[in-house]
Amino acid sequence: MFSRNVGTIDRGLRIVLGLALLAGFFLNPDASLRWLYLVGIIPLVTGLMGTCPLYRIFGVSTCPISRS
């Protein structure tokens, strides 16, 4: 479907960051801007899929092997 443009280290960091932000959503029920933690869905999904739409727009790739 999409070619991979996110490398292994980048994917791992995105997944960890996404999970940390989502954990913050559930662990801080009294936070005033709690909904901002839901931004963690974006790095989590791009890390799991291995592709980033912004990387594609700017022509960036951290993946050593480009697959079509």
N, C-alpha and C. Protein backbone atom coordinates (compact mmCIF):
# COMPACT_ATOMS: atom_id res chain seq x y z
N MET A 1 0.82 -1.17 0.00
CA MET A 1 0.00 0.00 0.00
C MET A 1 0.87 1.25 0.00
N PHE A 2 1.61 1.51 1.08
CA PHE A 2 2.54 2.63 1.14
C PHE A 2 3.95 2.10 1.23
N SER A 3 4.90 2.81 0.63
CA SER A 3 6.29 2.39 0.76
C SER A 3 6.81 2.85 2.12
N ARG A 4 7.66 2.04 2.70
CA ARG A 4 8.21 2.37 4.01
C ARG A 4 9.21 3.50 3.90
N ASN A 5 9.11 4.45 4.80
CA ASN A 5 10.07 5.54 4.84
C ASN A 5 10.49 5.86 6.27
N VAL A 6 10.19 4.95 7.21
CA VAL A 6 10.55 5.13 8.61
C VAL A 6 11.45 3.97 9.00
N GLY A 7 12.67 4.28 9.45
CA GLY A 7 13.63 3.26 9.83
C GLY A 7 13.31 2.61 11.17
N THR A 8 14.12 1.61 11.54
CA THR A 8 13.87 0.81 12.73
C THR A 8 13.95 1.64 14.01
N ILE A 9 14.98 2.42 14.17
CA ILE A 9 15.13 3.24 15.38
C ILE A 9 14.01 4.28 15.44
N ASP A 10 13.72 4.91 14.33
CA ASP A 10 12.66 5.90 14.24
C ASP A 10 11.32 5.27 14.62
N ARG A 11 11.05 4.08 14.10
CA ARG A 11 9.81 3.37 14.43
C ARG A 11 9.71 3.09 15.91
N GLY A 12 10.79 2.61 16.51
CA GLY A 12 10.79 2.31 17.94
C GLY A 12 10.52 3.54 18.79
N LEU A 13 11.16 4.64 18.43
CA LEU A 13 10.95 5.89 19.17
C LEU A 13 9.51 6.39 19.03
N ARG A 14 8.96 6.27 17.85
CA ARG A 14 7.58 6.70 17.62
C ARG A 14 6.60 5.86 18.43
N ILE A 15 6.82 4.56 18.47
CA ILE A 15 5.93 3.67 19.22
C ILE A 15 6.02 3.97 20.72
N VAL A 16 7.23 4.13 21.24
CA VAL A 16 7.40 4.43 22.66
C VAL A 16 6.77 5.78 23.00
N LEU A 17 7.00 6.80 22.18
CA LEU A 17 6.43 8.12 22.42
C LEU A 17 4.90 8.07 22.38
N GLY A 18 4.36 7.38 21.38
CA GLY A 18 2.91 7.27 21.26
C GLY A 18 2.29 6.58 22.45
N LEU A 19 2.90 5.47 22.89
CA LEU A 19 2.38 4.75 24.05
C LEU A 19 2.50 5.59 25.33
N ALA A 20 3.59 6.34 25.46
CA ALA A 20 3.76 7.20 26.64
C ALA A 20 2.70 8.30 26.69
N LEU A 21 2.43 8.91 25.56
CA LEU A 21 1.41 9.96 25.53
C LEU A 21 0.02 9.39 25.82
N LEU A 22 -0.29 8.24 25.26
CA LEU A 22 -1.59 7.63 25.53
C LEU A 22 -1.70 7.18 26.98
N ALA A 23 -0.61 6.72 27.57
CA ALA A 23 -0.62 6.37 28.99
C ALA A 23 -0.88 7.62 29.83
N GLY A 24 -0.31 8.75 29.44
CA GLY A 24 -0.57 10.00 30.14
C GLY A 24 -2.03 10.39 30.09
N PHE A 25 -2.69 10.07 28.99
CA PHE A 25 -4.12 10.36 28.87
C PHE A 25 -4.92 9.61 29.94
N PHE A 26 -4.57 8.34 30.14
CA PHE A 26 -5.31 7.53 31.10
C PHE A 26 -4.85 7.74 32.55
N LEU A 27 -3.61 8.16 32.74
CA LEU A 27 -3.08 8.32 34.10
C LEU A 27 -3.31 9.70 34.69
N ASN A 28 -3.71 10.67 33.89
CA ASN A 28 -3.97 12.04 34.36
C ASN A 28 -5.43 12.43 34.10
N PRO A 29 -6.37 11.82 34.79
CA PRO A 29 -7.78 12.12 34.51
C PRO A 29 -8.20 13.54 34.89
N ASP A 30 -7.44 14.20 35.75
CA ASP A 30 -7.81 15.54 36.20
C ASP A 30 -7.09 16.65 35.45
N ALA A 31 -6.28 16.32 34.46
CA ALA A 31 -5.52 17.34 33.72
C ALA A 31 -6.49 18.21 32.92
N SER A 32 -6.21 19.50 32.87
CA SER A 32 -7.13 20.42 32.19
C SER A 32 -7.10 20.25 30.67
N LEU A 33 -5.96 19.97 30.10
CA LEU A 33 -5.86 19.77 28.65
C LEU A 33 -5.56 18.30 28.34
N ARG A 34 -6.27 17.42 29.00
CA ARG A 34 -6.04 15.98 28.89
C ARG A 34 -6.14 15.48 27.46
N TRP A 35 -6.99 16.04 26.66
CA TRP A 35 -7.21 15.59 25.30
C TRP A 35 -5.95 15.73 24.43
N LEU A 36 -5.01 16.61 24.82
CA LEU A 36 -3.78 16.77 24.04
C LEU A 36 -2.93 15.51 24.04
N TYR A 37 -3.09 14.68 25.05
CA TYR A 37 -2.37 13.40 25.08
C TYR A 37 -2.77 12.50 23.91
N LEU A 38 -3.96 12.70 23.36
CA LEU A 38 -4.42 11.86 22.26
C LEU A 38 -3.61 12.08 20.98
N VAL A 39 -2.78 13.11 20.96
CA VAL A 39 -1.86 13.32 19.84
C VAL A 39 -0.94 12.11 19.71
N GLY A 40 -0.77 11.35 20.78
CA GLY A 40 0.07 10.16 20.78
C GLY A 40 -0.39 9.10 19.80
N ILE A 41 -1.63 9.20 19.33
CA ILE A 41 -2.13 8.24 18.33
C ILE A 41 -1.33 8.37 17.04
N ILE A 42 -0.94 9.58 16.69
CA ILE A 42 -0.24 9.82 15.42
C ILE A 42 1.12 9.12 15.37
N PRO A 43 2.02 9.37 16.34
CA PRO A 43 3.31 8.65 16.26
C PRO A 43 3.15 7.14 16.43
N LEU A 44 2.16 6.71 17.21
CA LEU A 44 1.94 5.27 17.38
C LEU A 44 1.55 4.62 16.06
N VAL A 45 0.60 5.20 15.36
CA VAL A 45 0.14 4.62 14.09
C VAL A 45 1.24 4.68 13.02
N THR A 46 1.94 5.81 12.92
CA THR A 46 3.00 5.90 11.90
C THR A 46 4.15 4.95 12.24
N GLY A 47 4.41 4.74 13.52
CA GLY A 47 5.45 3.78 13.91
C GLY A 47 5.05 2.36 13.60
N LEU A 48 3.80 2.01 13.85
CA LEU A 48 3.33 0.65 13.57
C LEU A 48 3.24 0.38 12.08
N MET A 49 2.85 1.37 11.30
CA MET A 49 2.73 1.20 9.85
C MET A 49 4.07 1.28 9.14
N GLY A 50 5.02 2.01 9.71
CA GLY A 50 6.33 2.16 9.09
C GLY A 50 6.36 3.19 7.99
N THR A 51 5.36 4.01 7.92
CA THR A 51 5.32 5.07 6.91
C THR A 51 4.81 6.36 7.54
N CYS A 52 5.35 7.48 7.11
CA CYS A 52 4.97 8.79 7.64
C CYS A 52 4.59 9.70 6.47
N PRO A 53 3.36 10.20 6.46
CA PRO A 53 2.93 11.08 5.36
C PRO A 53 3.78 12.35 5.24
N LEU A 54 4.20 12.94 6.37
CA LEU A 54 5.03 14.14 6.30
C LEU A 54 6.40 13.84 5.70
N TYR A 55 6.96 12.69 6.03
CA TYR A 55 8.23 12.30 5.41
C TYR A 55 8.05 12.20 3.89
N ARG A 56 6.93 11.65 3.45
CA ARG A 56 6.68 11.50 2.01
C ARG A 56 6.58 12.87 1.34
N ILE A 57 5.90 13.81 1.98
CA ILE A 57 5.73 15.15 1.40
C ILE A 57 7.07 15.84 1.24
N PHE A 58 7.94 15.71 2.27
CA PHE A 58 9.23 16.39 2.23
C PHE A 58 10.34 15.56 1.60
N GLY A 59 10.03 14.35 1.18
CA GLY A 59 11.02 13.50 0.52
C GLY A 59 12.08 12.93 1.46
N VAL A 60 11.74 12.76 2.72
CA VAL A 60 12.67 12.25 3.72
C VAL A 60 12.42 10.76 3.91
N SER A 61 13.50 10.00 4.16
CA SER A 61 13.37 8.59 4.47
C SER A 61 14.48 8.20 5.44
N THR A 62 14.08 7.59 6.57
CA THR A 62 15.07 7.08 7.52
C THR A 62 15.23 5.58 7.37
N CYS A 63 14.51 4.99 6.43
CA CYS A 63 14.58 3.56 6.18
C CYS A 63 15.77 3.28 5.24
N PRO A 64 16.69 2.39 5.63
CA PRO A 64 17.86 2.14 4.79
C PRO A 64 17.51 1.46 3.47
N ILE A 65 16.45 0.67 3.45
CA ILE A 65 16.04 -0.02 2.23
C ILE A 65 14.66 0.50 1.84
N SER A 66 14.57 1.17 0.73
CA SER A 66 13.31 1.72 0.26
C SER A 66 12.55 0.66 -0.50
N ARG A 67 11.33 0.35 -0.03
CA ARG A 67 10.47 -0.63 -0.69
C ARG A 67 9.32 0.09 -1.34
N SER A 68 8.93 -0.35 -2.49
CA SER A 68 7.79 0.30 -3.19
C SER A 68 6.50 -0.39 -2.88
